N, C-alpha and C. Protein backbone atom coordinates (compact mmCIF):
# COMPACT_ATOMS: atom_id res chain seq x y z
N MET A 1 0.84 -1.18 0.00
CA MET A 1 0.00 0.00 0.00
C MET A 1 0.88 1.24 0.00
N THR A 2 0.60 2.15 -0.89
CA THR A 2 1.37 3.39 -0.99
C THR A 2 0.73 4.45 -0.09
N THR A 3 1.57 5.17 0.61
CA THR A 3 1.09 6.29 1.41
C THR A 3 1.60 7.58 0.78
N ILE A 4 1.12 8.70 1.27
CA ILE A 4 1.57 9.98 0.76
C ILE A 4 3.09 10.09 0.94
N LYS A 5 3.58 9.66 2.08
CA LYS A 5 5.02 9.71 2.35
C LYS A 5 5.79 8.81 1.38
N ASP A 6 5.29 7.59 1.16
CA ASP A 6 5.96 6.66 0.24
C ASP A 6 6.03 7.26 -1.16
N ALA A 7 4.92 7.83 -1.61
CA ALA A 7 4.87 8.40 -2.97
C ALA A 7 5.85 9.56 -3.09
N ARG A 8 5.92 10.39 -2.05
CA ARG A 8 6.85 11.52 -2.08
C ARG A 8 8.29 11.02 -2.17
N LYS A 9 8.61 10.04 -1.35
CA LYS A 9 9.98 9.51 -1.35
C LYS A 9 10.33 8.87 -2.69
N ARG A 10 9.37 8.12 -3.28
CA ARG A 10 9.61 7.51 -4.60
C ARG A 10 9.82 8.56 -5.67
N ALA A 11 9.18 9.72 -5.49
CA ALA A 11 9.34 10.82 -6.44
C ALA A 11 10.68 11.53 -6.23
N GLY A 12 11.40 11.15 -5.18
CA GLY A 12 12.71 11.73 -4.92
C GLY A 12 12.66 13.12 -4.30
N LEU A 13 11.59 13.42 -3.58
CA LEU A 13 11.43 14.74 -2.98
C LEU A 13 11.50 14.67 -1.46
N THR A 14 12.08 15.69 -0.85
CA THR A 14 12.00 15.84 0.60
C THR A 14 10.66 16.48 0.93
N GLN A 15 10.31 16.49 2.21
CA GLN A 15 9.06 17.16 2.59
C GLN A 15 9.13 18.64 2.22
N SER A 16 10.27 19.26 2.47
CA SER A 16 10.41 20.69 2.16
C SER A 16 10.25 20.96 0.67
N GLN A 17 10.87 20.12 -0.16
CA GLN A 17 10.75 20.30 -1.61
C GLN A 17 9.31 20.11 -2.07
N ALA A 18 8.64 19.08 -1.54
CA ALA A 18 7.25 18.82 -1.92
C ALA A 18 6.35 19.97 -1.49
N ALA A 19 6.58 20.49 -0.29
CA ALA A 19 5.78 21.61 0.19
C ALA A 19 5.98 22.83 -0.69
N LYS A 20 7.22 23.10 -1.06
CA LYS A 20 7.52 24.27 -1.89
C LYS A 20 6.91 24.12 -3.28
N LYS A 21 7.08 22.94 -3.91
CA LYS A 21 6.56 22.73 -5.26
C LYS A 21 5.04 22.74 -5.30
N SER A 22 4.40 22.29 -4.22
CA SER A 22 2.95 22.18 -4.20
C SER A 22 2.26 23.42 -3.63
N GLY A 23 3.01 24.22 -2.88
CA GLY A 23 2.40 25.37 -2.22
C GLY A 23 1.67 24.99 -0.94
N ILE A 24 1.82 23.76 -0.50
CA ILE A 24 1.19 23.29 0.73
C ILE A 24 2.13 23.62 1.89
N PRO A 25 1.62 24.21 2.97
CA PRO A 25 2.50 24.48 4.11
C PRO A 25 3.15 23.19 4.61
N LEU A 26 4.43 23.29 4.98
CA LEU A 26 5.19 22.12 5.40
C LEU A 26 4.52 21.39 6.57
N GLY A 27 4.03 22.11 7.54
CA GLY A 27 3.36 21.48 8.68
C GLY A 27 2.11 20.71 8.28
N THR A 28 1.39 21.24 7.31
CA THR A 28 0.18 20.56 6.82
C THR A 28 0.56 19.25 6.14
N LEU A 29 1.59 19.31 5.28
CA LEU A 29 2.04 18.10 4.60
C LEU A 29 2.52 17.06 5.60
N ARG A 30 3.24 17.49 6.62
CA ARG A 30 3.70 16.56 7.67
C ARG A 30 2.53 15.87 8.36
N ARG A 31 1.51 16.64 8.69
CA ARG A 31 0.35 16.06 9.37
C ARG A 31 -0.39 15.06 8.48
N TRP A 32 -0.45 15.34 7.17
CA TRP A 32 -1.06 14.39 6.24
C TRP A 32 -0.23 13.11 6.17
N GLU A 33 1.08 13.26 6.09
CA GLU A 33 1.95 12.09 6.00
C GLU A 33 1.89 11.25 7.29
N GLN A 34 1.71 11.88 8.41
CA GLN A 34 1.64 11.18 9.69
C GLN A 34 0.25 10.61 9.97
N GLY A 35 -0.72 10.96 9.13
CA GLY A 35 -2.08 10.47 9.32
C GLY A 35 -2.86 11.22 10.38
N ILE A 36 -2.34 12.36 10.81
CA ILE A 36 -3.03 13.16 11.83
C ILE A 36 -4.25 13.84 11.22
N ASN A 37 -4.09 14.35 10.02
CA ASN A 37 -5.18 14.97 9.27
C ASN A 37 -5.25 14.31 7.90
N GLU A 38 -6.38 14.48 7.23
CA GLU A 38 -6.54 13.96 5.88
C GLU A 38 -6.62 15.12 4.89
N PRO A 39 -5.92 15.00 3.77
CA PRO A 39 -5.95 16.08 2.78
C PRO A 39 -7.28 16.13 2.05
N PRO A 40 -7.69 17.33 1.63
CA PRO A 40 -8.90 17.45 0.80
C PRO A 40 -8.63 16.84 -0.58
N ILE A 41 -9.68 16.52 -1.28
CA ILE A 41 -9.57 15.86 -2.58
C ILE A 41 -8.71 16.66 -3.56
N GLU A 42 -8.82 17.99 -3.53
CA GLU A 42 -8.03 18.81 -4.44
C GLU A 42 -6.54 18.60 -4.19
N ALA A 43 -6.16 18.48 -2.93
CA ALA A 43 -4.75 18.27 -2.58
C ALA A 43 -4.30 16.86 -2.98
N ILE A 44 -5.18 15.89 -2.85
CA ILE A 44 -4.85 14.52 -3.25
C ILE A 44 -4.55 14.47 -4.75
N ILE A 45 -5.38 15.13 -5.53
CA ILE A 45 -5.18 15.16 -6.99
C ILE A 45 -3.88 15.85 -7.33
N MET A 46 -3.62 16.99 -6.69
CA MET A 46 -2.40 17.75 -6.95
C MET A 46 -1.16 16.95 -6.55
N LEU A 47 -1.19 16.29 -5.39
CA LEU A 47 -0.04 15.49 -4.95
C LEU A 47 0.17 14.28 -5.85
N ALA A 48 -0.91 13.66 -6.29
CA ALA A 48 -0.79 12.52 -7.21
C ALA A 48 -0.08 12.95 -8.49
N ASN A 49 -0.42 14.11 -9.02
CA ASN A 49 0.24 14.62 -10.22
C ASN A 49 1.70 14.95 -9.93
N LEU A 50 1.97 15.58 -8.81
CA LEU A 50 3.34 15.94 -8.43
C LEU A 50 4.21 14.70 -8.27
N TYR A 51 3.65 13.65 -7.67
CA TYR A 51 4.41 12.44 -7.39
C TYR A 51 4.32 11.40 -8.51
N SER A 52 3.58 11.71 -9.56
CA SER A 52 3.40 10.81 -10.71
C SER A 52 2.83 9.46 -10.32
N VAL A 53 1.78 9.50 -9.52
CA VAL A 53 1.04 8.28 -9.14
C VAL A 53 -0.44 8.55 -9.35
N SER A 54 -1.24 7.51 -9.34
CA SER A 54 -2.69 7.70 -9.44
C SER A 54 -3.22 8.13 -8.08
N THR A 55 -4.39 8.75 -8.09
CA THR A 55 -5.02 9.08 -6.81
C THR A 55 -5.37 7.80 -6.05
N ASP A 56 -5.76 6.75 -6.78
CA ASP A 56 -6.04 5.46 -6.13
C ASP A 56 -4.82 4.96 -5.38
N GLU A 57 -3.68 5.03 -6.05
CA GLU A 57 -2.43 4.55 -5.43
C GLU A 57 -2.07 5.43 -4.23
N LEU A 58 -2.22 6.74 -4.37
CA LEU A 58 -1.89 7.66 -3.28
C LEU A 58 -2.76 7.41 -2.06
N LEU A 59 -4.00 7.01 -2.31
CA LEU A 59 -4.93 6.73 -1.21
C LEU A 59 -4.79 5.31 -0.66
N GLY A 60 -3.90 4.52 -1.30
CA GLY A 60 -3.67 3.17 -0.80
C GLY A 60 -4.70 2.16 -1.25
N SER A 61 -5.41 2.44 -2.32
CA SER A 61 -6.43 1.53 -2.81
C SER A 61 -5.83 0.27 -3.40
N PRO A 62 -6.36 -0.90 -3.05
CA PRO A 62 -5.88 -2.12 -3.68
C PRO A 62 -6.31 -2.21 -5.15
N TYR A 63 -7.17 -1.30 -5.58
CA TYR A 63 -7.67 -1.28 -6.95
C TYR A 63 -7.00 -0.20 -7.79
N ALA A 64 -5.77 0.20 -7.40
CA ALA A 64 -5.05 1.24 -8.13
C ALA A 64 -4.93 0.82 -9.59
N ARG A 65 -5.06 1.80 -10.47
CA ARG A 65 -5.05 1.51 -11.91
C ARG A 65 -3.76 0.85 -12.33
N ILE A 66 -3.86 -0.15 -13.14
CA ILE A 66 -2.72 -0.96 -13.56
C ILE A 66 -1.70 -0.15 -14.36
N GLU A 67 -2.17 0.77 -15.19
CA GLU A 67 -1.21 1.46 -16.05
C GLU A 67 -0.20 2.28 -15.25
N TYR A 68 -0.53 2.64 -14.03
CA TYR A 68 0.41 3.39 -13.21
C TYR A 68 1.48 2.49 -12.62
N SER A 69 1.23 1.20 -12.52
CA SER A 69 2.20 0.32 -11.90
C SER A 69 3.51 0.28 -12.69
N SER A 70 3.47 0.50 -13.99
CA SER A 70 4.70 0.49 -14.78
C SER A 70 5.60 1.66 -14.42
N GLU A 71 5.04 2.75 -13.86
CA GLU A 71 5.86 3.89 -13.49
C GLU A 71 6.80 3.56 -12.35
N ARG A 72 6.53 2.51 -11.61
CA ARG A 72 7.42 2.12 -10.52
C ARG A 72 8.79 1.71 -11.04
N THR A 73 8.86 1.33 -12.31
CA THR A 73 10.13 0.89 -12.87
C THR A 73 10.91 2.03 -13.50
N LEU A 74 10.37 3.23 -13.52
CA LEU A 74 11.07 4.37 -14.08
C LEU A 74 12.19 4.82 -13.15
N SER A 75 13.28 5.27 -13.74
CA SER A 75 14.37 5.82 -12.94
C SER A 75 13.94 7.18 -12.38
N VAL A 76 14.74 7.71 -11.50
CA VAL A 76 14.47 9.03 -10.93
C VAL A 76 14.42 10.08 -12.04
N ASP A 77 15.37 10.01 -12.97
CA ASP A 77 15.38 10.97 -14.09
C ASP A 77 14.14 10.84 -14.96
N GLU A 78 13.72 9.61 -15.23
CA GLU A 78 12.53 9.39 -16.06
C GLU A 78 11.28 9.93 -15.35
N ARG A 79 11.17 9.70 -14.06
CA ARG A 79 10.03 10.23 -13.30
C ARG A 79 10.04 11.75 -13.30
N GLU A 80 11.24 12.34 -13.23
CA GLU A 80 11.34 13.80 -13.26
C GLU A 80 10.87 14.34 -14.61
N LEU A 81 11.24 13.67 -15.70
CA LEU A 81 10.77 14.09 -17.02
C LEU A 81 9.25 14.02 -17.12
N VAL A 82 8.66 12.95 -16.62
CA VAL A 82 7.20 12.80 -16.64
C VAL A 82 6.56 13.90 -15.79
N ARG A 83 7.12 14.15 -14.60
CA ARG A 83 6.57 15.18 -13.71
C ARG A 83 6.63 16.55 -14.38
N LEU A 84 7.77 16.88 -14.98
CA LEU A 84 7.91 18.18 -15.65
C LEU A 84 6.96 18.29 -16.84
N TYR A 85 6.83 17.22 -17.62
CA TYR A 85 5.91 17.20 -18.75
C TYR A 85 4.48 17.50 -18.29
N ARG A 86 4.09 16.86 -17.20
CA ARG A 86 2.72 17.04 -16.69
C ARG A 86 2.46 18.43 -16.17
N GLN A 87 3.51 19.16 -15.82
CA GLN A 87 3.34 20.52 -15.33
C GLN A 87 3.18 21.53 -16.46
N CYS A 88 3.53 21.13 -17.67
CA CYS A 88 3.50 22.04 -18.81
C CYS A 88 2.10 22.27 -19.35
N THR A 89 1.97 23.38 -20.03
CA THR A 89 0.75 23.66 -20.79
C THR A 89 0.76 22.74 -22.01
N PRO A 90 -0.35 22.64 -22.73
CA PRO A 90 -0.35 21.83 -23.95
C PRO A 90 0.74 22.25 -24.94
N ASP A 91 0.97 23.56 -25.10
CA ASP A 91 2.03 24.02 -26.00
C ASP A 91 3.40 23.59 -25.49
N GLY A 92 3.59 23.69 -24.19
CA GLY A 92 4.86 23.27 -23.59
C GLY A 92 5.10 21.79 -23.76
N ARG A 93 4.03 21.00 -23.66
CA ARG A 93 4.15 19.56 -23.84
C ARG A 93 4.54 19.22 -25.28
N ARG A 94 3.93 19.90 -26.24
CA ARG A 94 4.28 19.67 -27.64
C ARG A 94 5.75 20.02 -27.89
N TYR A 95 6.19 21.13 -27.32
CA TYR A 95 7.58 21.55 -27.48
C TYR A 95 8.53 20.53 -26.85
N MET A 96 8.21 20.08 -25.63
CA MET A 96 9.05 19.07 -24.97
C MET A 96 9.15 17.81 -25.81
N LEU A 97 8.05 17.39 -26.39
CA LEU A 97 8.05 16.18 -27.22
C LEU A 97 8.94 16.36 -28.45
N GLU A 98 8.85 17.51 -29.10
CA GLU A 98 9.70 17.76 -30.27
C GLU A 98 11.18 17.78 -29.88
N VAL A 99 11.50 18.40 -28.75
CA VAL A 99 12.89 18.44 -28.28
C VAL A 99 13.37 17.02 -27.98
N ALA A 100 12.52 16.22 -27.34
CA ALA A 100 12.89 14.84 -27.02
C ALA A 100 13.11 14.02 -28.29
N LYS A 101 12.26 14.21 -29.28
CA LYS A 101 12.43 13.48 -30.55
C LYS A 101 13.73 13.86 -31.23
N THR A 102 14.02 15.15 -31.25
CA THR A 102 15.26 15.63 -31.87
C THR A 102 16.47 15.09 -31.12
N THR A 103 16.43 15.14 -29.80
CA THR A 103 17.53 14.65 -28.98
C THR A 103 17.74 13.14 -29.19
N ALA A 104 16.64 12.39 -29.22
CA ALA A 104 16.73 10.95 -29.43
C ALA A 104 17.31 10.62 -30.81
N SER A 105 16.95 11.41 -31.82
CA SER A 105 17.49 11.13 -33.15
C SER A 105 18.98 11.44 -33.23
N MET A 106 19.43 12.40 -32.43
CA MET A 106 20.84 12.77 -32.44
C MET A 106 21.69 11.85 -31.56
N PHE A 107 21.13 11.42 -30.42
CA PHE A 107 21.92 10.70 -29.44
C PHE A 107 21.40 9.31 -29.12
N GLY A 108 20.27 8.93 -29.71
CA GLY A 108 19.69 7.62 -29.44
C GLY A 108 20.55 6.50 -29.99
N GLY A 109 20.39 5.35 -29.38
CA GLY A 109 21.19 4.20 -29.80
C GLY A 109 20.60 3.44 -30.97
N LYS A 110 19.41 3.79 -31.40
CA LYS A 110 18.75 3.03 -32.47
C LYS A 110 18.71 3.81 -33.75
């Protein structure tokens, strides 16, 4: 079962970094991770996106969507790329994809 703390650690973030990136006060995030308080649904969605997990997985559901399970095998750098991509606007995402394609064609092994 994944907890908010587990997801944060898998994303390679400290509590301070997660609080800063999310805009959530550090004390609030700590209380959520300790189970003292429960985050509102909006915060759950935002943290799931930040940590690149499903909301089901973040909430510890045994029915977490299967397609997210493959993200567990991503390296820290790969998860960071996915996280940054998800933060972009649609135009930013298209640009990132074009840059990635160009980079892969120049430096890819295939």
